Amino acid sequence: MKSISLYVANNSYLTKLHPFTKLLYIAAAVSIPLLSGRLWMFCTWIGVSLIILTSGKLLRKTFPLIAFSFTILLTIFLIHGLFHTGNTTVIFSIGPLHFYKEGVLYSAKIGLNILNMLLSFAVFILSTKPSEFVEELEKKGFSPRFGYIINSVFQIIPQMIGTMHTIADAQRSRGTETEGSLFTRAKALIPLISPVIAGSLINTRERAIALEVRGFGSGIKRTYLTDHPKSKVDILCRLILYAAILIAVCWRITLCLI
């Protein structure tokens, strides 16, 4: 059976943590560097995320994400390094192109912020089972409809990618050229669009029927098959993250008052 989420079930310590603990990690990893405004703080949290992903045996899954982010970072660096409005100090030149200190620092802050957010979200998405996260939200009083939307967000991209791979394999078995030059690949993409869209609409209809059969909108209080209590590790991690956020907030307030 094909997986329709990005969750990696490798039974590591990271997958055993409560979903809300990892959600709090995202809040800390994103907010603390923004509150401090220091470049080294962004680098610190990027390093922490990389250590967590490595120890949780998930780093290899983040390579495509990191590679894609470097394309964005390079674009930001070029735009602001060359054309930022506050550029005054030239730090190096490549032919007729002059890169300025102000633009490079500004692009470094944006780029590190983007990379930090991507890696912190990767910690959550790759180690958290969507159905388990949605179940915990519903236990806290969130509407099942809201939980269904969250679950769909986690599943829709992997599901469409899986459908595209299946259709591409079927077309290759019928002799369609899907590899080669850019023009050949572009031509092979056109027959993929219609089946993917039609398949997504069919899946949506089937899912709606299945939810209706299971009494999705009945309004009756639901029971849950499994329970995911907070462990001592969860409590310790949350205390550390809450303390880190509180220190960052106090530090920011102190800087504003000075």
C-alpha atoms as a PDB file:
ATOM      1  CA  MET A   1       0.000   0.000   0.000  1.00  0.00           C
ATOM      2  CA  LYS A   2       1.422   3.384  -1.001  1.00  0.00           C
ATOM      3  CA  SER A   3       1.896   6.041   1.628  1.00  0.00           C
ATOM      4  CA  ILE A   4      -0.113   9.210   1.034  1.00  0.00           C
ATOM      5  CA  SER A   5       1.729  11.387   3.535  1.00  0.00           C
ATOM      6  CA  LEU A   6       5.266  12.586   4.145  1.00  0.00           C
ATOM      7  CA  TYR A   7       5.384  10.834   7.534  1.00  0.00           C
ATOM      8  CA  VAL A   8       8.315   8.424   7.947  1.00  0.00           C
ATOM      9  CA  ALA A   9       7.472   5.553  10.313  1.00  0.00           C
ATOM     10  CA  ASN A  10      11.000   4.627  11.417  1.00  0.00           C
ATOM     11  CA  ASN A  11      10.122   4.157  15.119  1.00  0.00           C
ATOM     12  CA  SER A  12      12.711   6.721  16.220  1.00  0.00           C
ATOM     13  CA  TYR A  13      12.461   8.793  19.399  1.00  0.00           C
ATOM     14  CA  LEU A  14      11.214  11.697  17.283  1.00  0.00           C
ATOM     15  CA  THR A  15       8.151   9.830  16.036  1.00  0.00           C
ATOM     16  CA  LYS A  16       7.286   8.898  19.629  1.00  0.00           C
ATOM     17  CA  LEU A  17       7.142  12.494  20.834  1.00  0.00           C
ATOM     18  CA  HIS A  18       3.705  14.034  21.253  1.00  0.00           C
ATOM     19  CA  PRO A  19       2.613  16.072  18.191  1.00  0.00           C
ATOM     20  CA  PHE A  20       2.045  19.173  20.319  1.00  0.00           C
ATOM     21  CA  THR A  21       5.645  19.027  21.563  1.00  0.00           C
ATOM     22  CA  LYS A  22       6.898  19.165  17.976  1.00  0.00           C
ATOM     23  CA  LEU A  23       4.399  21.933  17.215  1.00  0.00           C
ATOM     24  CA  LEU A  24       5.845  23.910  20.119  1.00  0.00           C
ATOM     25  CA  TYR A  25       9.315  23.321  18.673  1.00  0.00           C
ATOM     26  CA  ILE A  26       8.208  25.035  15.442  1.00  0.00           C
ATOM     27  CA  ALA A  27       6.910  27.996  17.456  1.00  0.00           C
ATOM     28  CA  ALA A  28      10.204  28.280  19.346  1.00  0.00           C
ATOM     29  CA  ALA A  29      12.441  27.765  16.300  1.00  0.00           C
ATOM     30  CA  VAL A  30      10.611  30.432  14.289  1.00  0.00           C
ATOM     31  CA  SER A  31       9.868  33.025  16.980  1.00  0.00           C
ATOM     32  CA  ILE A  32      13.119  33.117  18.978  1.00  0.00           C
ATOM     33  CA  PRO A  33      15.414  34.125  16.063  1.00  0.00           C
ATOM     34  CA  LEU A  34      12.849  36.711  14.917  1.00  0.00           C
ATOM     35  CA  LEU A  35      12.640  38.163  18.423  1.00  0.00           C
ATOM     36  CA  SER A  36      16.418  38.310  18.771  1.00  0.00           C
ATOM     37  CA  GLY A  37      17.051  39.620  15.239  1.00  0.00           C
ATOM     38  CA  ARG A  38      20.559  38.136  15.290  1.00  0.00           C
ATOM     39  CA  LEU A  39      21.956  36.144  12.363  1.00  0.00           C
ATOM     40  CA  TRP A  40      23.798  33.755  14.680  1.00  0.00           C
ATOM     41  CA  MET A  41      20.495  32.845  16.326  1.00  0.00           C
ATOM     42  CA  PHE A  42      19.046  31.753  12.971  1.00  0.00           C
ATOM     43  CA  CYS A  43      22.181  29.654  12.375  1.00  0.00           C
ATOM     44  CA  THR A  44      21.881  28.131  15.856  1.00  0.00           C
ATOM     45  CA  TRP A  45      18.308  26.949  15.311  1.00  0.00           C
ATOM     46  CA  ILE A  46      19.133  25.678  11.827  1.00  0.00           C
ATOM     47  CA  GLY A  47      21.917  23.632  13.424  1.00  0.00           C
ATOM     48  CA  VAL A  48      19.534  22.339  16.113  1.00  0.00           C
ATOM     49  CA  SER A  49      16.995  21.266  13.475  1.00  0.00           C
ATOM     50  CA  LEU A  50      19.713  19.490  11.472  1.00  0.00           C
ATOM     51  CA  ILE A  51      20.894  17.652  14.608  1.00  0.00           C
ATOM     52  CA  ILE A  52      17.320  16.600  15.434  1.00  0.00           C
ATOM     53  CA  LEU A  53      16.675  15.406  11.868  1.00  0.00           C
ATOM     54  CA  THR A  54      19.966  13.490  11.826  1.00  0.00           C
ATOM     55  CA  SER A  55      19.353  11.817  15.183  1.00  0.00           C
ATOM     56  CA  GLY A  56      15.800  10.986  14.106  1.00  0.00           C
ATOM     57  CA  LYS A  57      17.087   9.366  10.863  1.00  0.00           C
ATOM     58  CA  LEU A  58      15.200  11.873   8.726  1.00  0.00           C
ATOM     59  CA  LEU A  59      17.991  14.021   7.283  1.00  0.00           C
ATOM     60  CA  ARG A  60      18.058  12.215   3.931  1.00  0.00           C
ATOM     61  CA  LYS A  61      14.374  13.024   3.423  1.00  0.00           C
ATOM     62  CA  THR A  62      15.140  16.727   3.789  1.00  0.00           C
ATOM     63  CA  PHE A  63      17.815  16.842   1.052  1.00  0.00           C
ATOM     64  CA  PRO A  64      15.316  17.743  -1.733  1.00  0.00           C
ATOM     65  CA  LEU A  65      13.869  20.442   0.529  1.00  0.00           C
ATOM     66  CA  ILE A  66      17.312  21.895   1.248  1.00  0.00           C
ATOM     67  CA  ALA A  67      18.266  21.777  -2.438  1.00  0.00           C
ATOM     68  CA  PHE A  68      15.065  23.610  -3.392  1.00  0.00           C
ATOM     69  CA  SER A  69      15.607  26.203  -0.669  1.00  0.00           C
ATOM     70  CA  PHE A  70      19.089  27.012  -1.975  1.00  0.00           C
ATOM     71  CA  THR A  71      17.527  27.989  -5.313  1.00  0.00           C
ATOM     72  CA  ILE A  72      15.332  30.487  -3.460  1.00  0.00           C
ATOM     73  CA  LEU A  73      18.254  31.695  -1.334  1.00  0.00           C
ATOM     74  CA  LEU A  74      20.403  32.314  -4.401  1.00  0.00           C
ATOM     75  CA  THR A  75      17.620  34.357  -6.010  1.00  0.00           C
ATOM     76  CA  ILE A  76      17.176  36.450  -2.856  1.00  0.00           C
ATOM     77  CA  PHE A  77      20.940  36.975  -2.587  1.00  0.00           C
ATOM     78  CA  LEU A  78      21.208  38.192  -6.179  1.00  0.00           C
ATOM     79  CA  ILE A  79      18.212  40.536  -5.987  1.00  0.00           C
ATOM     80  CA  HIS A  80      19.048  42.220  -2.684  1.00  0.00           C
ATOM     81  CA  GLY A  81      22.815  42.046  -3.057  1.00  0.00           C
ATOM     82  CA  LEU A  82      22.560  44.001  -6.284  1.00  0.00           C
ATOM     83  CA  PHE A  83      19.403  46.107  -6.047  1.00  0.00           C
ATOM     84  CA  HIS A  84      18.478  46.585  -2.361  1.00  0.00           C
ATOM     85  CA  THR A  85      17.323  50.174  -1.708  1.00  0.00           C
ATOM     86  CA  GLY A  86      19.790  50.763   1.144  1.00  0.00           C
ATOM     87  CA  ASN A  87      22.881  49.592  -0.723  1.00  0.00           C
ATOM     88  CA  THR A  88      25.879  51.902  -0.227  1.00  0.00           C
ATOM     89  CA  THR A  89      28.960  49.798   0.673  1.00  0.00           C
ATOM     90  CA  VAL A  90      30.428  47.563  -2.028  1.00  0.00           C
ATOM     91  CA  ILE A  91      32.003  44.409  -0.611  1.00  0.00           C
ATOM     92  CA  PHE A  92      32.909  42.585  -3.850  1.00  0.00           C
ATOM     93  CA  SER A  93      32.310  42.761  -7.581  1.00  0.00           C
ATOM     94  CA  ILE A  94      31.879  40.197 -10.345  1.00  0.00           C
ATOM     95  CA  GLY A  95      32.600  41.985 -13.596  1.00  0.00           C
ATOM     96  CA  PRO A  96      30.149  44.864 -13.906  1.00  0.00           C
ATOM     97  CA  LEU A  97      27.996  43.541 -11.025  1.00  0.00           C
ATOM     98  CA  HIS A  98      28.575  45.087  -7.596  1.00  0.00           C
ATOM     99  CA  PHE A  99      27.371  43.354  -4.418  1.00  0.00           C
ATOM    100  CA  TYR A 100      26.691  45.569  -1.424  1.00  0.00           C
ATOM    101  CA  LYS A 101      27.092  44.832   2.276  1.00  0.00           C
ATOM    102  CA  GLU A 102      23.620  46.100   3.234  1.00  0.00           C
ATOM    103  CA  GLY A 103      21.859  43.982   0.628  1.00  0.00           C
ATOM    104  CA  VAL A 104      23.901  40.871   1.418  1.00  0.00           C
ATOM    105  CA  LEU A 105      23.129  41.143   5.152  1.00  0.00           C
ATOM    106  CA  TYR A 106      19.442  41.723   4.422  1.00  0.00           C
ATOM    107  CA  SER A 107      19.294  38.739   2.065  1.00  0.00           C
ATOM    108  CA  ALA A 108      21.190  36.603   4.613  1.00  0.00           C
ATOM    109  CA  LYS A 109      18.555  37.333   7.259  1.00  0.00           C
ATOM    110  CA  ILE A 110      15.676  36.492   4.895  1.00  0.00           C
ATOM    111  CA  GLY A 111      17.393  33.387   3.543  1.00  0.00           C
ATOM    112  CA  LEU A 112      18.329  32.001   6.948  1.00  0.00           C
ATOM    113  CA  ASN A 113      14.792  32.668   8.175  1.00  0.00           C
ATOM    114  CA  ILE A 114      13.353  30.697   5.239  1.00  0.00           C
ATOM    115  CA  LEU A 115      15.771  27.801   5.748  1.00  0.00           C
ATOM    116  CA  ASN A 116      15.088  27.789   9.485  1.00  0.00           C
ATOM    117  CA  MET A 117      11.323  27.600   8.947  1.00  0.00           C
ATOM    118  CA  LEU A 118      11.643  24.852   6.329  1.00  0.00           C
ATOM    119  CA  LEU A 119      13.798  22.665   8.575  1.00  0.00           C
ATOM    120  CA  SER A 120      11.670  23.208  11.697  1.00  0.00           C
ATOM    121  CA  PHE A 121       8.519  22.300   9.774  1.00  0.00           C
ATOM    122  CA  ALA A 122      10.362  19.272   8.347  1.00  0.00           C
ATOM    123  CA  VAL A 123      10.956  18.061  11.915  1.00  0.00           C
ATOM    124  CA  PHE A 124       7.198  18.128  12.487  1.00  0.00           C
ATOM    125  CA  ILE A 125       5.907  16.888   9.128  1.00  0.00           C
ATOM    126  CA  LEU A 126       8.332  13.989   8.654  1.00  0.00           C
ATOM    127  CA  SER A 127       7.944  12.638  12.188  1.00  0.00           C
ATOM    128  CA  THR A 128       4.227  13.187  12.841  1.00  0.00           C
ATOM    129  CA  LYS A 129       1.472  10.923  11.591  1.00  0.00           C
ATOM    130  CA  PRO A 130      -1.279  13.217  10.212  1.00  0.00           C
ATOM    131  CA  SER A 131      -4.166  11.141  11.592  1.00  0.00           C
ATOM    132  CA  GLU A 132      -2.557  11.148  15.052  1.00  0.00           C
ATOM    133  CA  PHE A 133      -2.087  14.925  14.978  1.00  0.00           C
ATOM    134  CA  VAL A 134      -5.680  15.489  13.870  1.00  0.00           C
ATOM    135  CA  GLU A 135      -6.943  13.143  16.579  1.00  0.00           C
ATOM    136  CA  GLU A 136      -5.059  15.091  19.253  1.00  0.00           C
ATOM    137  CA  LEU A 137      -6.552  18.346  17.920  1.00  0.00           C
ATOM    138  CA  GLU A 138     -10.059  16.907  18.118  1.00  0.00           C
ATOM    139  CA  LYS A 139      -9.426  15.752  21.687  1.00  0.00           C
ATOM    140  CA  LYS A 140      -8.654  19.378  22.537  1.00  0.00           C
ATOM    141  CA  GLY A 141     -12.040  20.455  21.194  1.00  0.00           C
ATOM    142  CA  PHE A 142     -11.305  21.331  17.566  1.00  0.00           C
ATOM    143  CA  SER A 143     -14.057  20.617  15.047  1.00  0.00           C
ATOM    144  CA  PRO A 144     -13.713  17.333  13.081  1.00  0.00           C
ATOM    145  CA  ARG A 145     -14.199  19.407   9.921  1.00  0.00           C
ATOM    146  CA  PHE A 146     -11.121  21.457  10.820  1.00  0.00           C
ATOM    147  CA  GLY A 147      -9.236  18.223  11.476  1.00  0.00           C
ATOM    148  CA  TYR A 148     -10.273  16.875   8.097  1.00  0.00           C
ATOM    149  CA  ILE A 149      -8.917  20.010   6.379  1.00  0.00           C
ATOM    150  CA  ILE A 150      -5.579  19.640   8.191  1.00  0.00           C
ATOM    151  CA  ASN A 151      -5.385  15.953   7.273  1.00  0.00           C
ATOM    152  CA  SER A 152      -6.129  16.731   3.632  1.00  0.00           C
ATOM    153  CA  VAL A 153      -3.348  19.347   3.503  1.00  0.00           C
ATOM    154  CA  PHE A 154      -0.840  16.725   4.678  1.00  0.00           C
ATOM    155  CA  GLN A 155      -2.048  14.171   2.132  1.00  0.00           C
ATOM    156  CA  ILE A 156      -2.951  16.021  -1.047  1.00  0.00           C
ATOM    157  CA  ILE A 157       0.583  16.672  -2.384  1.00  0.00           C
ATOM    158  CA  PRO A 158       1.973  13.136  -1.783  1.00  0.00           C
ATOM    159  CA  GLN A 159      -1.262  11.690  -3.180  1.00  0.00           C
ATOM    160  CA  MET A 160      -1.039  13.730  -6.389  1.00  0.00           C
ATOM    161  CA  ILE A 161       2.657  12.874  -6.772  1.00  0.00           C
ATOM    162  CA  GLY A 162       1.830   9.171  -6.384  1.00  0.00           C
ATOM    163  CA  THR A 163      -0.953   9.465  -8.960  1.00  0.00           C
ATOM    164  CA  MET A 164       1.380  11.192 -11.428  1.00  0.00           C
ATOM    165  CA  HIS A 165       4.011   8.467 -11.012  1.00  0.00           C
ATOM    166  CA  THR A 166       1.393   5.749 -11.562  1.00  0.00           C
ATOM    167  CA  ILE A 167       0.038   7.425 -14.717  1.00  0.00           C
ATOM    168  CA  ALA A 168       3.567   8.077 -16.030  1.00  0.00           C
ATOM    169  CA  ASP A 169       4.477   4.405 -15.535  1.00  0.00           C
ATOM    170  CA  ALA A 170       1.302   3.362 -17.366  1.00  0.00           C
ATOM    171  CA  GLN A 171       2.083   5.696 -20.264  1.00  0.00           C
ATOM    172  CA  ARG A 172       5.661   4.449 -20.489  1.00  0.00           C
ATOM    173  CA  SER A 173       4.396   0.874 -20.655  1.00  0.00           C
ATOM    174  CA  ARG A 174       2.320   1.943 -23.686  1.00  0.00           C
ATOM    175  CA  GLY A 175       5.341   3.389 -25.455  1.00  0.00           C
ATOM    176  CA  THR A 176       5.030   7.066 -24.547  1.00  0.00           C
ATOM    177  CA  GLU A 177       8.363   8.907 -24.346  1.00  0.00           C
ATOM    178  CA  THR A 178       8.626  10.594 -20.922  1.00  0.00           C
ATOM    179  CA  GLU A 179      12.400  11.064 -20.703  1.00  0.00           C
ATOM    180  CA  GLY A 180      14.921  12.882 -22.833  1.00  0.00           C
ATOM    181  CA  SER A 181      15.088  16.513 -23.917  1.00  0.00           C
ATOM    182  CA  LEU A 182      13.158  19.338 -22.278  1.00  0.00           C
ATOM    183  CA  PHE A 183      10.723  19.426 -25.211  1.00  0.00           C
ATOM    184  CA  THR A 184      10.052  15.659 -24.888  1.00  0.00           C
ATOM    185  CA  ARG A 185       9.349  15.950 -21.174  1.00  0.00           C
ATOM    186  CA  ALA A 186       7.083  18.958 -21.706  1.00  0.00           C
ATOM    187  CA  LYS A 187       5.163  17.078 -24.384  1.00  0.00           C
ATOM    188  CA  ALA A 188       4.783  14.059 -22.063  1.00  0.00           C
ATOM    189  CA  LEU A 189       3.437  16.322 -19.285  1.00  0.00           C
ATOM    190  CA  ILE A 190       0.321  17.315 -21.236  1.00  0.00           C
ATOM    191  CA  PRO A 191      -1.305  13.824 -21.185  1.00  0.00           C
ATOM    192  CA  LEU A 192      -0.663  13.698 -17.418  1.00  0.00           C
ATOM    193  CA  ILE A 193      -2.730  16.756 -16.560  1.00  0.00           C
ATOM    194  CA  SER A 194      -6.184  15.457 -17.437  1.00  0.00           C
ATOM    195  CA  PRO A 195      -5.918  12.068 -15.611  1.00  0.00           C
ATOM    196  CA  VAL A 196      -4.437  13.707 -12.489  1.00  0.00           C
ATOM    197  CA  ILE A 197      -7.229  16.303 -12.280  1.00  0.00           C
ATOM    198  CA  ALA A 198      -9.932  13.718 -13.031  1.00  0.00           C
ATOM    199  CA  GLY A 199      -8.427  11.337 -10.464  1.00  0.00           C
ATOM    200  CA  SER A 200      -8.338  14.086  -7.809  1.00  0.00           C
ATOM    201  CA  LEU A 201     -12.018  14.898  -8.401  1.00  0.00           C
ATOM    202  CA  ILE A 202     -12.957  11.208  -8.201  1.00  0.00           C
ATOM    203  CA  ASN A 203     -10.939  10.782  -4.984  1.00  0.00           C
ATOM    204  CA  THR A 204     -12.644  13.832  -3.472  1.00  0.00           C
ATOM    205  CA  ARG A 205     -16.092  12.436  -4.308  1.00  0.00           C
ATOM    206  CA  GLU A 206     -15.245   8.979  -2.939  1.00  0.00           C
ATOM    207  CA  ARG A 207     -13.822  10.494   0.243  1.00  0.00           C
ATOM    208  CA  ALA A 208     -16.970  12.597   0.753  1.00  0.00           C
ATOM    209  CA  ILE A 209     -19.167   9.492   0.352  1.00  0.00           C
ATOM    210  CA  ALA A 210     -16.965   7.523   2.770  1.00  0.00           C
ATOM    211  CA  LEU A 211     -17.141  10.310   5.371  1.00  0.00           C
ATOM    212  CA  GLU A 212     -20.922  10.515   5.044  1.00  0.00           C
ATOM    213  CA  VAL A 213     -21.284   6.747   5.478  1.00  0.00           C
ATOM    214  CA  ARG A 214     -19.180   6.922   8.659  1.00  0.00           C
ATOM    215  CA  GLY A 215     -21.383   9.650  10.151  1.00  0.00           C
ATOM    216  CA  PHE A 216     -18.827  12.435   9.868  1.00  0.00           C
ATOM    217  CA  GLY A 217     -21.360  15.228  10.500  1.00  0.00           C
ATOM    218  CA  SER A 218     -23.501  13.423  13.065  1.00  0.00           C
ATOM    219  CA  GLY A 219     -22.483  15.705  15.965  1.00  0.00           C
ATOM    220  CA  ILE A 220     -22.230  12.778  18.391  1.00  0.00           C
ATOM    221  CA  LYS A 221     -19.184  12.767  20.673  1.00  0.00           C
ATOM    222  CA  ARG A 222     -16.539  10.467  19.258  1.00  0.00           C
ATOM    223  CA  THR A 223     -14.434   7.852  21.023  1.00  0.00           C
ATOM    224  CA  TYR A 224     -10.803   7.138  20.140  1.00  0.00           C
ATOM    225  CA  LEU A 225      -9.109   3.818  19.593  1.00  0.00           C
ATOM    226  CA  THR A 226      -5.645   4.906  20.748  1.00  0.00           C
ATOM    227  CA  ASP A 227      -4.256   7.340  23.292  1.00  0.00           C
ATOM    228  CA  HIS A 228      -0.975   9.245  23.122  1.00  0.00           C
ATOM    229  CA  PRO A 229      -0.205  10.549  26.621  1.00  0.00           C
ATOM    230  CA  LYS A 230       2.601  13.001  27.294  1.00  0.00           C
ATOM    231  CA  SER A 231       5.824  11.297  28.364  1.00  0.00           C
ATOM    232  CA  LYS A 232       8.498  12.657  30.709  1.00  0.00           C
ATOM    233  CA  VAL A 233      10.586  13.536  27.660  1.00  0.00           C
ATOM    234  CA  ASP A 234       7.655  15.558  26.257  1.00  0.00           C
ATOM    235  CA  ILE A 235       7.267  17.452  29.517  1.00  0.00           C
ATOM    236  CA  LEU A 236      11.001  18.188  29.718  1.00  0.00           C
ATOM    237  CA  CYS A 237      11.156  19.360  26.077  1.00  0.00           C
ATOM    238  CA  ARG A 238       8.146  21.620  26.565  1.00  0.00           C
ATOM    239  CA  LEU A 239       9.605  23.196  29.695  1.00  0.00           C
ATOM    240  CA  ILE A 240      12.875  23.926  27.851  1.00  0.00           C
ATOM    241  CA  LEU A 241      11.055  25.383  24.832  1.00  0.00           C
ATOM    242  CA  TYR A 242       8.700  27.510  26.964  1.00  0.00           C
ATOM    243  CA  ALA A 243      11.686  28.809  28.940  1.00  0.00           C
ATOM    244  CA  ALA A 244      13.586  29.627  25.721  1.00  0.00           C
ATOM    245  CA  ILE A 245      10.608  31.549  24.298  1.00  0.00           C
ATOM    246  CA  LEU A 246      10.107  33.422  27.588  1.00  0.00           C
ATOM    247  CA  ILE A 247      13.792  34.415  27.738  1.00  0.00           C
ATOM    248  CA  ALA A 248      13.655  35.648  24.124  1.00  0.00           C
ATOM    249  CA  VAL A 249      10.527  37.734  24.837  1.00  0.00           C
ATOM    250  CA  CYS A 250      12.062  39.251  27.983  1.00  0.00           C
ATOM    251  CA  TRP A 251      15.287  40.015  26.124  1.00  0.00           C
ATOM    252  CA  ARG A 252      13.355  41.752  23.333  1.00  0.00           C
ATOM    253  CA  ILE A 253      11.340  43.818  25.804  1.00  0.00           C
ATOM    254  CA  THR A 254      14.548  44.814  27.617  1.00  0.00           C
ATOM    255  CA  LEU A 255      16.162  45.954  24.340  1.00  0.00           C
ATOM    256  CA  CYS A 256      13.089  48.036  23.485  1.00  0.00           C
ATOM    257  CA  LEU A 257      13.128  49.738  26.894  1.00  0.00           C
ATOM    258  CA  ILE A 258      16.806  50.631  26.749  1.00  0.00           C
END
